[in-house]
Amino acid sequence: MRSEALRRLGELSQRLNAGTDGMTQRIKDLEKTLYKMRVGVSVWLDDISSDDIESCGHQIGYVKLKDKWRIVAREVRIGTDGGAQNLGPGNETMVLSKAPRLVRMRGVQKLDALVTALTDKVERFLAGLPPAEEGSEVPDAEVAAEVAERELDRCG
């Protein structure tokens, strides 16, 4: 009986590992694509992955982490209003492709929403920039700073 259970566990483990390896590759492929695009804008999804309201969950985002833009997850406490509250120091932001299996499984389901959130944020940035004049390649640094400040004010 034990040998049958171990054999079955071995088979299931191989299938599980193959499935999660595919998910991890999907996360890495998107990360590589975003890097090549040079998006350079951070965003956190409001949609929290959790089993239970008023508990802890994981928030997925795209941020610069240790000088590299990464798709990440962080553990947050979910308030009674459904909003995320960062758990503070000691609660490190983790690279999603290296996160625990359950976090990756939940996070990969949110990749489309992450791309949409990034697209929306870049569009808001662009809406605040003045139109480029002919012969002008780079917007004025003061204008760019004002746009960034307006975006920060809007975010909170």
C-alpha atoms as a PDB file:
ATOM      1  CA  MET A   1       0.000   0.000   0.000  1.00  0.00           C
ATOM      2  CA  ARG A   2       2.738   2.498   0.891  1.00  0.00           C
ATOM      3  CA  SER A   3       4.667   1.831  -2.284  1.00  0.00           C
ATOM      4  CA  GLU A   4       1.481   2.460  -4.340  1.00  0.00           C
ATOM      5  CA  ALA A   5       0.908   5.776  -2.543  1.00  0.00           C
ATOM      6  CA  LEU A   6       4.519   6.808  -3.125  1.00  0.00           C
ATOM      7  CA  ARG A   7       4.330   5.841  -6.779  1.00  0.00           C
ATOM      8  CA  ARG A   8       1.146   7.889  -7.194  1.00  0.00           C
ATOM      9  CA  LEU A   9       2.692  10.822  -5.336  1.00  0.00           C
ATOM     10  CA  GLY A  10       5.701  10.687  -7.654  1.00  0.00           C
ATOM     11  CA  GLU A  11       3.451  10.835 -10.726  1.00  0.00           C
ATOM     12  CA  LEU A  12       1.419  13.705  -9.316  1.00  0.00           C
ATOM     13  CA  SER A  13       4.552  15.581  -8.329  1.00  0.00           C
ATOM     14  CA  GLN A  14       5.924  15.361 -11.884  1.00  0.00           C
ATOM     15  CA  ARG A  15       2.662  16.740 -13.292  1.00  0.00           C
ATOM     16  CA  LEU A  16       2.555  19.511 -10.696  1.00  0.00           C
ATOM     17  CA  ASN A  17       6.131  20.540 -11.383  1.00  0.00           C
ATOM     18  CA  ALA A  18       5.602  20.540 -15.152  1.00  0.00           C
ATOM     19  CA  GLY A  19       2.493  22.695 -14.768  1.00  0.00           C
ATOM     20  CA  THR A  20       4.074  25.231 -12.456  1.00  0.00           C
ATOM     21  CA  ASP A  21       7.256  25.367 -14.574  1.00  0.00           C
ATOM     22  CA  GLY A  22       5.034  26.446 -17.469  1.00  0.00           C
ATOM     23  CA  MET A  23       3.435  29.151 -15.326  1.00  0.00           C
ATOM     24  CA  THR A  24       6.803  30.399 -14.175  1.00  0.00           C
ATOM     25  CA  GLN A  25       7.989  30.626 -17.784  1.00  0.00           C
ATOM     26  CA  ARG A  26       4.900  32.644 -18.688  1.00  0.00           C
ATOM     27  CA  ILE A  27       5.724  35.146 -15.909  1.00  0.00           C
ATOM     28  CA  LYS A  28       9.363  35.383 -17.061  1.00  0.00           C
ATOM     29  CA  ASP A  29       8.342  35.839 -20.706  1.00  0.00           C
ATOM     30  CA  LEU A  30       6.044  38.745 -19.840  1.00  0.00           C
ATOM     31  CA  GLU A  31       8.706  40.278 -17.626  1.00  0.00           C
ATOM     32  CA  LYS A  32      11.209  40.077 -20.493  1.00  0.00           C
ATOM     33  CA  THR A  33       8.706  41.659 -22.900  1.00  0.00           C
ATOM     34  CA  LEU A  34       7.986  44.546 -20.508  1.00  0.00           C
ATOM     35  CA  TYR A  35      11.724  45.056 -20.000  1.00  0.00           C
ATOM     36  CA  LYS A  36      12.307  45.276 -23.755  1.00  0.00           C
ATOM     37  CA  MET A  37       9.484  47.824 -24.024  1.00  0.00           C
ATOM     38  CA  ARG A  38      11.196  49.942 -21.354  1.00  0.00           C
ATOM     39  CA  VAL A  39       7.854  50.720 -19.717  1.00  0.00           C
ATOM     40  CA  GLY A  40       9.495  52.102 -16.564  1.00  0.00           C
ATOM     41  CA  VAL A  41       6.200  52.699 -14.732  1.00  0.00           C
ATOM     42  CA  SER A  42       5.241  50.932 -11.526  1.00  0.00           C
ATOM     43  CA  VAL A  43       1.762  49.731 -10.697  1.00  0.00           C
ATOM     44  CA  TRP A  44       0.046  47.582  -8.064  1.00  0.00           C
ATOM     45  CA  LEU A  45      -3.212  45.781  -8.770  1.00  0.00           C
ATOM     46  CA  ASP A  46      -6.105  46.545  -6.445  1.00  0.00           C
ATOM     47  CA  ASP A  47      -7.392  42.994  -6.885  1.00  0.00           C
ATOM     48  CA  ILE A  48      -5.963  40.912  -4.037  1.00  0.00           C
ATOM     49  CA  SER A  49      -5.533  37.129  -4.222  1.00  0.00           C
ATOM     50  CA  SER A  50      -6.895  35.638  -1.033  1.00  0.00           C
ATOM     51  CA  ASP A  51      -9.059  32.863   0.302  1.00  0.00           C
ATOM     52  CA  ASP A  52     -10.850  34.956   2.902  1.00  0.00           C
ATOM     53  CA  ILE A  53     -11.840  38.616   3.309  1.00  0.00           C
ATOM     54  CA  GLU A  54     -10.266  40.375   6.293  1.00  0.00           C
ATOM     55  CA  SER A  55      -7.250  38.134   6.085  1.00  0.00           C
ATOM     56  CA  CYS A  56      -3.898  38.230   4.373  1.00  0.00           C
ATOM     57  CA  GLY A  57      -3.506  37.983   0.640  1.00  0.00           C
ATOM     58  CA  HIS A  58      -1.037  38.801  -2.101  1.00  0.00           C
ATOM     59  CA  GLN A  59      -0.985  41.904  -4.233  1.00  0.00           C
ATOM     60  CA  ILE A  60       0.602  41.668  -7.678  1.00  0.00           C
ATOM     61  CA  GLY A  61       2.530  44.549  -9.198  1.00  0.00           C
ATOM     62  CA  TYR A  62       5.234  45.716 -11.543  1.00  0.00           C
ATOM     63  CA  VAL A  63       7.968  47.704  -9.785  1.00  0.00           C
ATOM     64  CA  LYS A  64      11.653  48.445  -9.864  1.00  0.00           C
ATOM     65  CA  LEU A  65      13.242  46.053  -7.393  1.00  0.00           C
ATOM     66  CA  LYS A  66      16.998  46.183  -6.771  1.00  0.00           C
ATOM     67  CA  ASP A  67      17.593  48.222  -9.959  1.00  0.00           C
ATOM     68  CA  LYS A  68      15.568  45.884 -12.184  1.00  0.00           C
ATOM     69  CA  TRP A  69      11.929  46.105 -13.287  1.00  0.00           C
ATOM     70  CA  ARG A  70      10.121  42.977 -12.077  1.00  0.00           C
ATOM     71  CA  ILE A  71       6.679  41.443 -11.779  1.00  0.00           C
ATOM     72  CA  VAL A  72       6.312  41.040  -8.033  1.00  0.00           C
ATOM     73  CA  ALA A  73       3.996  40.013  -5.210  1.00  0.00           C
ATOM     74  CA  ARG A  74       3.722  41.281  -1.663  1.00  0.00           C
ATOM     75  CA  GLU A  75       1.700  40.019   1.234  1.00  0.00           C
ATOM     76  CA  VAL A  76      -0.950  42.446   2.412  1.00  0.00           C
ATOM     77  CA  ARG A  77      -3.684  42.471   4.987  1.00  0.00           C
ATOM     78  CA  ILE A  78      -7.134  42.907   3.498  1.00  0.00           C
ATOM     79  CA  GLY A  79      -9.195  45.471   5.373  1.00  0.00           C
ATOM     80  CA  THR A  80     -12.929  45.403   5.950  1.00  0.00           C
ATOM     81  CA  ASP A  81     -13.292  47.721   2.950  1.00  0.00           C
ATOM     82  CA  GLY A  82     -11.478  45.187   0.739  1.00  0.00           C
ATOM     83  CA  GLY A  83      -8.444  47.468   0.394  1.00  0.00           C
ATOM     84  CA  ALA A  84      -4.869  46.347   0.847  1.00  0.00           C
ATOM     85  CA  GLN A  85      -2.741  47.371   3.797  1.00  0.00           C
ATOM     86  CA  ASN A  86       0.956  46.629   3.438  1.00  0.00           C
ATOM     87  CA  LEU A  87       2.178  44.563   6.361  1.00  0.00           C
ATOM     88  CA  GLY A  88       5.212  46.811   6.691  1.00  0.00           C
ATOM     89  CA  PRO A  89       8.867  46.104   7.502  1.00  0.00           C
ATOM     90  CA  GLY A  90       9.902  42.487   7.299  1.00  0.00           C
ATOM     91  CA  ASN A  91       7.293  41.887   4.624  1.00  0.00           C
ATOM     92  CA  GLU A  92       9.463  41.807   1.573  1.00  0.00           C
ATOM     93  CA  THR A  93       8.285  42.258  -1.958  1.00  0.00           C
ATOM     94  CA  MET A  94       9.115  39.033  -3.795  1.00  0.00           C
ATOM     95  CA  VAL A  95       9.802  38.379  -7.455  1.00  0.00           C
ATOM     96  CA  LEU A  96       6.698  36.552  -8.682  1.00  0.00           C
ATOM     97  CA  SER A  97       8.621  33.992 -10.752  1.00  0.00           C
ATOM     98  CA  LYS A  98      10.479  32.961  -7.573  1.00  0.00           C
ATOM     99  CA  ALA A  99       7.531  33.178  -5.178  1.00  0.00           C
ATOM    100  CA  PRO A 100       5.995  30.129  -3.506  1.00  0.00           C
ATOM    101  CA  ARG A 101       3.957  27.941  -5.844  1.00  0.00           C
ATOM    102  CA  LEU A 102       0.536  29.054  -4.594  1.00  0.00           C
ATOM    103  CA  VAL A 103       1.446  32.733  -4.999  1.00  0.00           C
ATOM    104  CA  ARG A 104       2.657  32.078  -8.575  1.00  0.00           C
ATOM    105  CA  MET A 105      -0.514  30.116  -9.355  1.00  0.00           C
ATOM    106  CA  ARG A 106      -2.693  33.004  -8.222  1.00  0.00           C
ATOM    107  CA  GLY A 107      -0.427  35.661  -9.711  1.00  0.00           C
ATOM    108  CA  VAL A 108      -0.302  34.181 -13.208  1.00  0.00           C
ATOM    109  CA  GLN A 109      -4.086  34.567 -13.371  1.00  0.00           C
ATOM    110  CA  LYS A 110      -3.636  38.321 -12.956  1.00  0.00           C
ATOM    111  CA  LEU A 111      -1.054  38.947 -15.682  1.00  0.00           C
ATOM    112  CA  ASP A 112      -3.613  40.249 -18.189  1.00  0.00           C
ATOM    113  CA  ALA A 113      -4.981  42.651 -15.558  1.00  0.00           C
ATOM    114  CA  LEU A 114      -1.426  43.784 -14.818  1.00  0.00           C
ATOM    115  CA  VAL A 115      -0.782  44.611 -18.483  1.00  0.00           C
ATOM    116  CA  THR A 116      -4.087  46.511 -18.626  1.00  0.00           C
ATOM    117  CA  ALA A 117      -3.193  48.488 -15.486  1.00  0.00           C
ATOM    118  CA  LEU A 118       0.226  49.360 -16.936  1.00  0.00           C
ATOM    119  CA  THR A 119      -1.363  50.439 -20.211  1.00  0.00           C
ATOM    120  CA  ASP A 120      -3.845  52.659 -18.382  1.00  0.00           C
ATOM    121  CA  LYS A 121      -1.120  54.261 -16.285  1.00  0.00           C
ATOM    122  CA  VAL A 122       1.112  54.961 -19.295  1.00  0.00           C
ATOM    123  CA  GLU A 123      -1.885  56.523 -21.083  1.00  0.00           C
ATOM    124  CA  ARG A 124      -2.475  58.808 -18.058  1.00  0.00           C
ATOM    125  CA  PHE A 125       1.187  59.829 -18.128  1.00  0.00           C
ATOM    126  CA  LEU A 126       1.003  60.574 -21.834  1.00  0.00           C
ATOM    127  CA  ALA A 127      -2.202  62.582 -21.423  1.00  0.00           C
ATOM    128  CA  GLY A 128      -0.340  64.892 -19.061  1.00  0.00           C
ATOM    129  CA  LEU A 129       2.591  65.506 -21.392  1.00  0.00           C
ATOM    130  CA  PRO A 130       2.509  68.388 -23.848  1.00  0.00           C
ATOM    131  CA  PRO A 131       2.529  67.387 -27.517  1.00  0.00           C
ATOM    132  CA  ALA A 132       6.011  67.036 -28.931  1.00  0.00           C
ATOM    133  CA  GLU A 133       6.948  69.921 -31.172  1.00  0.00           C
ATOM    134  CA  GLU A 134       8.678  69.304 -34.475  1.00  0.00           C
ATOM    135  CA  GLY A 135      12.415  69.099 -33.879  1.00  0.00           C
ATOM    136  CA  SER A 136      11.884  68.534 -30.158  1.00  0.00           C
ATOM    137  CA  GLU A 137      12.776  65.022 -29.007  1.00  0.00           C
ATOM    138  CA  VAL A 138      12.656  65.288 -25.220  1.00  0.00           C
ATOM    139  CA  PRO A 139       9.969  67.058 -23.161  1.00  0.00           C
ATOM    140  CA  ASP A 140      11.111  69.822 -20.838  1.00  0.00           C
ATOM    141  CA  ALA A 141      12.342  68.344 -17.517  1.00  0.00           C
ATOM    142  CA  GLU A 142      10.090  70.739 -15.557  1.00  0.00           C
ATOM    143  CA  VAL A 143       7.029  69.574 -17.490  1.00  0.00           C
ATOM    144  CA  ALA A 144       7.939  65.929 -16.942  1.00  0.00           C
ATOM    145  CA  ALA A 145       8.362  66.603 -13.202  1.00  0.00           C
ATOM    146  CA  GLU A 146       4.930  68.286 -13.063  1.00  0.00           C
ATOM    147  CA  VAL A 147       3.301  65.307 -14.777  1.00  0.00           C
ATOM    148  CA  ALA A 148       4.955  62.896 -12.328  1.00  0.00           C
ATOM    149  CA  GLU A 149       3.892  65.054  -9.371  1.00  0.00           C
ATOM    150  CA  ARG A 150       0.259  65.155 -10.585  1.00  0.00           C
ATOM    151  CA  GLU A 151       0.296  61.368 -10.918  1.00  0.00           C
ATOM    152  CA  LEU A 152       1.708  60.958  -7.405  1.00  0.00           C
ATOM    153  CA  ASP A 153      -0.916  63.338  -6.014  1.00  0.00           C
ATOM    154  CA  ARG A 154      -3.653  61.378  -7.777  1.00  0.00           C
ATOM    155  CA  CYS A 155      -2.369  58.097  -6.308  1.00  0.00           C
ATOM    156  CA  GLY A 156      -2.505  59.265  -2.832  1.00  0.00           C
END
